[in-house]
């Protein structure tokens, strides 16, 4: 594992940002099509912070390598959705108008 990191650092000018960009590019090109090319740790990090659109997530949910990641992501999104719903109800009891930011966040969560 250390040798892979050293090789990646050498190849990318000893710069972690360039290593991340190279891994992300590989992730997008291959893994979006269901071709696993990254190790488990890199896949988890990139999936957590750079998730795919709903179309690709649904396709990848059939892949056994992505099922635990999808389950955790769904739980996390469900929690966010629930908190936004509670927050929206609280605002609606206080005022008649829902702020545009809250409406936009609710629309974004449904994507």
N, C-alpha and C. Protein backbone atom coordinates (compact mmCIF):
# COMPACT_ATOMS: atom_id res chain seq x y z
N UNK A 1 0.82 -1.19 0.00
CA UNK A 1 0.00 0.00 0.00
C UNK A 1 0.87 1.26 0.00
N UNK A 2 1.92 1.27 0.83
CA UNK A 2 2.80 2.43 0.89
C UNK A 2 3.50 2.67 -0.43
N UNK A 3 3.84 1.57 -1.12
CA UNK A 3 4.52 1.71 -2.40
C UNK A 3 3.60 2.35 -3.44
N UNK A 4 2.31 2.01 -3.41
CA UNK A 4 1.36 2.62 -4.34
C UNK A 4 1.25 4.12 -4.09
N UNK A 5 1.21 4.50 -2.80
CA UNK A 5 1.12 5.92 -2.45
C UNK A 5 2.38 6.64 -2.90
N UNK A 6 3.55 6.04 -2.66
CA UNK A 6 4.81 6.67 -3.07
C UNK A 6 4.86 6.82 -4.59
N UNK A 7 4.43 5.79 -5.31
CA UNK A 7 4.43 5.85 -6.77
C UNK A 7 3.48 6.94 -7.27
N UNK A 8 2.31 7.02 -6.66
CA UNK A 8 1.33 8.04 -7.06
C UNK A 8 1.87 9.43 -6.76
N UNK A 9 2.56 9.59 -5.63
CA UNK A 9 3.12 10.89 -5.30
C UNK A 9 4.23 11.28 -6.28
N UNK A 10 5.08 10.31 -6.62
CA UNK A 10 6.15 10.59 -7.58
C UNK A 10 5.57 10.96 -8.93
N UNK A 11 4.56 10.23 -9.36
CA UNK A 11 3.95 10.46 -10.65
C UNK A 11 3.26 11.82 -10.71
N UNK A 12 2.77 12.31 -9.57
CA UNK A 12 2.01 13.56 -9.54
C UNK A 12 2.78 14.68 -8.85
N UNK A 13 4.07 14.63 -8.91
CA UNK A 13 4.88 15.74 -8.42
C UNK A 13 4.87 15.90 -6.92
N UNK A 14 4.71 14.82 -6.16
CA UNK A 14 4.73 14.87 -4.70
C UNK A 14 3.68 15.83 -4.14
N UNK A 15 2.55 15.92 -4.80
CA UNK A 15 1.50 16.84 -4.42
C UNK A 15 0.21 16.06 -4.20
N UNK A 16 -0.30 16.09 -2.97
CA UNK A 16 -1.50 15.31 -2.64
C UNK A 16 -2.72 15.78 -3.43
N UNK A 17 -2.77 17.06 -3.74
CA UNK A 17 -3.90 17.56 -4.53
C UNK A 17 -3.92 16.91 -5.91
N UNK A 18 -2.75 16.82 -6.53
CA UNK A 18 -2.67 16.18 -7.85
C UNK A 18 -3.00 14.69 -7.78
N UNK A 19 -2.59 14.05 -6.68
CA UNK A 19 -2.92 12.64 -6.48
C UNK A 19 -4.44 12.48 -6.38
N UNK A 20 -5.08 13.37 -5.62
CA UNK A 20 -6.53 13.31 -5.48
C UNK A 20 -7.21 13.51 -6.83
N UNK A 21 -6.75 14.50 -7.58
CA UNK A 21 -7.35 14.78 -8.88
C UNK A 21 -7.19 13.59 -9.82
N UNK A 22 -6.02 12.96 -9.79
CA UNK A 22 -5.79 11.79 -10.64
C UNK A 22 -6.71 10.65 -10.22
N UNK A 23 -6.86 10.41 -8.91
CA UNK A 23 -7.77 9.37 -8.43
C UNK A 23 -9.22 9.69 -8.79
N UNK A 24 -9.59 10.96 -8.65
CA UNK A 24 -10.96 11.36 -8.97
C UNK A 24 -11.26 11.16 -10.45
N UNK A 25 -10.31 11.51 -11.29
CA UNK A 25 -10.49 11.32 -12.73
C UNK A 25 -10.67 9.84 -13.06
N UNK A 26 -9.87 9.00 -12.45
CA UNK A 26 -9.99 7.56 -12.64
C UNK A 26 -11.35 7.06 -12.14
N UNK A 27 -11.78 7.60 -10.99
CA UNK A 27 -13.06 7.26 -10.39
C UNK A 27 -14.21 7.58 -11.35
N UNK A 28 -14.21 8.77 -11.89
CA UNK A 28 -15.29 9.19 -12.78
C UNK A 28 -15.29 8.37 -14.06
N UNK A 29 -14.13 8.20 -14.66
CA UNK A 29 -14.07 7.50 -15.94
C UNK A 29 -14.49 6.04 -15.83
N UNK A 30 -14.01 5.36 -14.82
CA UNK A 30 -14.22 3.91 -14.75
C UNK A 30 -15.38 3.49 -13.85
N UNK A 31 -15.42 4.04 -12.66
CA UNK A 31 -16.38 3.54 -11.68
C UNK A 31 -17.81 3.96 -11.99
N UNK A 32 -18.00 5.05 -12.70
CA UNK A 32 -19.35 5.43 -13.08
C UNK A 32 -19.96 4.39 -14.01
N UNK A 33 -19.11 3.67 -14.70
CA UNK A 33 -19.58 2.62 -15.60
C UNK A 33 -19.58 1.25 -14.93
N UNK A 34 -19.24 1.21 -13.64
CA UNK A 34 -19.24 -0.05 -12.91
C UNK A 34 -17.95 -0.83 -13.04
N UNK A 35 -16.88 -0.18 -13.48
CA UNK A 35 -15.58 -0.84 -13.60
C UNK A 35 -14.70 -0.45 -12.41
N UNK A 36 -14.61 -1.30 -11.40
CA UNK A 36 -13.85 -0.92 -10.21
C UNK A 36 -12.35 -0.84 -10.50
N UNK A 37 -11.77 0.31 -10.25
CA UNK A 37 -10.35 0.50 -10.47
C UNK A 37 -9.65 1.03 -9.22
N UNK A 38 -10.40 1.53 -8.27
CA UNK A 38 -9.80 2.08 -7.05
C UNK A 38 -9.85 1.07 -5.93
N UNK A 39 -8.99 1.26 -4.95
CA UNK A 39 -9.06 0.38 -3.78
C UNK A 39 -10.25 0.80 -2.92
N UNK A 40 -10.57 0.01 -1.94
CA UNK A 40 -11.78 0.20 -1.13
C UNK A 40 -11.76 1.54 -0.40
N UNK A 41 -10.63 1.90 0.16
CA UNK A 41 -10.53 3.14 0.93
C UNK A 41 -10.74 4.36 0.03
N UNK A 42 -10.06 4.39 -1.10
CA UNK A 42 -10.20 5.51 -2.03
C UNK A 42 -11.63 5.60 -2.56
N UNK A 43 -12.25 4.45 -2.84
CA UNK A 43 -13.63 4.43 -3.33
C UNK A 43 -14.58 5.01 -2.29
N UNK A 44 -14.39 4.63 -1.02
CA UNK A 44 -15.25 5.16 0.05
C UNK A 44 -15.11 6.66 0.20
N UNK A 45 -13.89 7.16 0.16
CA UNK A 45 -13.66 8.60 0.31
C UNK A 45 -14.29 9.37 -0.84
N UNK A 46 -14.04 8.92 -2.05
CA UNK A 46 -14.60 9.63 -3.19
C UNK A 46 -16.11 9.51 -3.26
N UNK A 47 -16.66 8.37 -2.89
CA UNK A 47 -18.12 8.22 -2.92
C UNK A 47 -18.77 9.12 -1.88
N UNK A 48 -18.13 9.27 -0.74
CA UNK A 48 -18.69 10.10 0.32
C UNK A 48 -18.72 11.58 -0.06
N UNK A 49 -17.64 12.06 -0.65
CA UNK A 49 -17.52 13.49 -0.92
C UNK A 49 -17.83 13.90 -2.35
N UNK A 50 -17.85 12.97 -3.27
CA UNK A 50 -18.10 13.28 -4.68
C UNK A 50 -19.11 12.28 -5.23
N UNK A 51 -20.31 12.32 -4.74
CA UNK A 51 -21.30 11.31 -5.12
C UNK A 51 -21.81 11.53 -6.54
N UNK A 52 -22.33 10.47 -7.11
CA UNK A 52 -22.87 10.51 -8.46
C UNK A 52 -24.31 11.01 -8.44
N UNK A 53 -24.82 11.29 -9.62
CA UNK A 53 -26.22 11.67 -9.75
C UNK A 53 -27.09 10.44 -9.45
N UNK A 54 -28.36 10.68 -9.30
CA UNK A 54 -29.30 9.60 -8.96
C UNK A 54 -29.26 8.47 -9.97
N UNK A 55 -29.16 8.79 -11.24
CA UNK A 55 -29.14 7.78 -12.30
C UNK A 55 -27.99 6.79 -12.09
N UNK A 56 -26.79 7.30 -11.83
CA UNK A 56 -25.64 6.43 -11.63
C UNK A 56 -25.69 5.72 -10.28
N UNK A 57 -26.21 6.40 -9.26
CA UNK A 57 -26.32 5.74 -7.95
C UNK A 57 -27.24 4.54 -8.03
N UNK A 58 -28.35 4.66 -8.76
CA UNK A 58 -29.27 3.54 -8.90
C UNK A 58 -28.63 2.38 -9.66
N UNK A 59 -27.84 2.70 -10.68
CA UNK A 59 -27.16 1.65 -11.43
C UNK A 59 -26.09 0.97 -10.57
N UNK A 60 -25.38 1.76 -9.78
CA UNK A 60 -24.31 1.20 -8.95
C UNK A 60 -24.84 0.47 -7.73
N UNK A 61 -26.07 0.72 -7.35
CA UNK A 61 -26.61 0.05 -6.16
C UNK A 61 -26.71 -1.46 -6.35
N UNK A 62 -26.69 -1.90 -7.60
CA UNK A 62 -26.72 -3.34 -7.88
C UNK A 62 -25.35 -3.99 -7.70
N UNK A 63 -24.30 -3.18 -7.72
CA UNK A 63 -22.94 -3.67 -7.58
C UNK A 63 -22.65 -3.96 -6.10
N UNK A 64 -22.21 -5.18 -5.76
CA UNK A 64 -21.96 -5.52 -4.36
C UNK A 64 -20.90 -4.66 -3.68
N UNK A 65 -19.97 -4.10 -4.46
CA UNK A 65 -18.96 -3.24 -3.87
C UNK A 65 -19.55 -1.91 -3.40
N UNK A 66 -20.64 -1.52 -3.99
CA UNK A 66 -21.25 -0.23 -3.65
C UNK A 66 -22.44 -0.34 -2.70
N UNK A 67 -22.95 -1.53 -2.46
CA UNK A 67 -24.14 -1.68 -1.62
C UNK A 67 -23.95 -1.10 -0.21
N UNK A 68 -22.85 -1.41 0.50
CA UNK A 68 -22.69 -0.80 1.83
C UNK A 68 -22.55 0.72 1.77
N UNK A 69 -21.89 1.22 0.73
CA UNK A 69 -21.75 2.66 0.58
C UNK A 69 -23.11 3.31 0.33
N UNK A 70 -23.91 2.67 -0.51
CA UNK A 70 -25.24 3.20 -0.81
C UNK A 70 -26.15 3.17 0.41
N UNK A 71 -26.05 2.10 1.19
CA UNK A 71 -26.88 2.01 2.40
C UNK A 71 -26.54 3.14 3.37
N UNK A 72 -25.24 3.36 3.59
CA UNK A 72 -24.84 4.45 4.49
C UNK A 72 -25.26 5.80 3.94
N UNK A 73 -25.12 5.97 2.62
CA UNK A 73 -25.50 7.24 2.01
C UNK A 73 -27.00 7.48 2.14
N UNK A 74 -27.80 6.42 1.94
CA UNK A 74 -29.25 6.55 2.07
C UNK A 74 -29.67 6.89 3.49
N UNK A 75 -29.02 6.30 4.47
CA UNK A 75 -29.33 6.62 5.87
C UNK A 75 -28.99 8.07 6.16
N UNK A 76 -27.82 8.51 5.71
CA UNK A 76 -27.39 9.89 5.94
C UNK A 76 -28.34 10.88 5.25
N UNK A 77 -28.72 10.59 4.01
CA UNK A 77 -29.65 11.46 3.29
C UNK A 77 -31.04 11.45 3.93
N UNK A 78 -31.47 10.30 4.43
CA UNK A 78 -32.75 10.23 5.12
C UNK A 78 -32.76 11.08 6.37
N UNK A 79 -31.66 11.08 7.09
CA UNK A 79 -31.54 11.92 8.29
C UNK A 79 -31.59 13.39 7.91
N UNK A 80 -30.87 13.77 6.88
CA UNK A 80 -30.89 15.17 6.42
C UNK A 80 -32.30 15.57 5.98
N UNK A 81 -32.97 14.68 5.26
CA UNK A 81 -34.32 14.96 4.79
C UNK A 81 -35.28 15.14 5.96
N UNK A 82 -35.15 14.28 6.96
CA UNK A 82 -36.02 14.37 8.14
C UNK A 82 -35.77 15.69 8.88
N UNK A 83 -34.51 16.05 9.08
CA UNK A 83 -34.19 17.30 9.78
C UNK A 83 -34.71 18.52 9.02
N UNK A 84 -34.60 18.48 7.70
CA UNK A 84 -35.12 19.58 6.89
C UNK A 84 -36.64 19.66 7.00
N UNK A 85 -37.31 18.51 7.03
CA UNK A 85 -38.76 18.48 7.18
C UNK A 85 -39.19 19.06 8.52
N UNK A 86 -38.50 18.68 9.58
CA UNK A 86 -38.81 19.21 10.92
C UNK A 86 -38.57 20.71 10.95
N UNK A 87 -37.45 21.15 10.37
CA UNK A 87 -37.12 22.56 10.33
C UNK A 87 -38.17 23.35 9.54
N UNK A 88 -38.61 22.79 8.41
CA UNK A 88 -39.62 23.45 7.59
C UNK A 88 -40.94 23.59 8.35
N UNK A 89 -41.35 22.54 9.04
CA UNK A 89 -42.59 22.61 9.82
C UNK A 89 -42.49 23.66 10.92
N UNK A 90 -41.34 23.73 11.57
CA UNK A 90 -41.12 24.71 12.63
C UNK A 90 -41.24 26.13 12.08
N UNK A 91 -40.65 26.38 10.93
CA UNK A 91 -40.73 27.70 10.31
C UNK A 91 -42.16 28.03 9.92
N UNK A 92 -42.87 27.04 9.40
CA UNK A 92 -44.24 27.27 8.97
C UNK A 92 -45.19 27.56 10.13
N UNK A 93 -44.86 27.09 11.32
CA UNK A 93 -45.68 27.44 12.48
C UNK A 93 -45.41 28.87 12.93
N UNK A 94 -44.22 29.38 12.61
CA UNK A 94 -43.85 30.73 13.05
C UNK A 94 -44.25 31.81 12.04
N UNK A 95 -44.27 31.47 10.76
CA UNK A 95 -44.58 32.45 9.72
C UNK A 95 -45.30 31.77 8.56
N UNK A 96 -45.94 32.60 7.74
CA UNK A 96 -46.67 32.07 6.60
C UNK A 96 -45.75 31.76 5.42
N UNK A 97 -44.67 32.52 5.29
CA UNK A 97 -43.76 32.36 4.14
C UNK A 97 -42.57 31.50 4.50
N UNK A 98 -42.26 30.61 3.61
CA UNK A 98 -41.08 29.77 3.76
C UNK A 98 -39.92 30.46 3.02
N UNK A 99 -38.79 30.65 3.68
CA UNK A 99 -37.66 31.32 3.02
C UNK A 99 -37.23 30.57 1.75
N UNK A 100 -36.77 31.32 0.77
CA UNK A 100 -36.38 30.72 -0.51
C UNK A 100 -35.24 29.72 -0.33
N UNK A 101 -34.34 29.99 0.61
CA UNK A 101 -33.22 29.07 0.84
C UNK A 101 -33.71 27.70 1.26
N UNK A 102 -34.72 27.69 2.12
CA UNK A 102 -35.26 26.42 2.61
C UNK A 102 -35.98 25.70 1.47
N UNK A 103 -36.73 26.44 0.66
CA UNK A 103 -37.40 25.83 -0.48
C UNK A 103 -36.40 25.24 -1.47
N UNK A 104 -35.34 25.99 -1.74
CA UNK A 104 -34.31 25.49 -2.66
C UNK A 104 -33.62 24.26 -2.12
N UNK A 105 -33.36 24.25 -0.82
CA UNK A 105 -32.73 23.07 -0.20
C UNK A 105 -33.64 21.85 -0.31
N UNK A 106 -34.93 22.06 -0.10
CA UNK A 106 -35.88 20.93 -0.22
C UNK A 106 -35.93 20.41 -1.66
N UNK A 107 -35.89 21.32 -2.64
CA UNK A 107 -35.89 20.89 -4.03
C UNK A 107 -34.60 20.13 -4.36
N UNK A 108 -33.49 20.61 -3.84
CA UNK A 108 -32.20 19.96 -4.08
C UNK A 108 -32.17 18.56 -3.47
N UNK A 109 -32.74 18.41 -2.29
CA UNK A 109 -32.75 17.11 -1.62
C UNK A 109 -33.57 16.08 -2.38
N UNK A 110 -34.55 16.53 -3.17
CA UNK A 110 -35.38 15.60 -3.93
C UNK A 110 -34.71 15.12 -5.21
N UNK A 111 -33.63 15.77 -5.61
CA UNK A 111 -32.93 15.37 -6.85
C UNK A 111 -32.23 14.06 -6.67
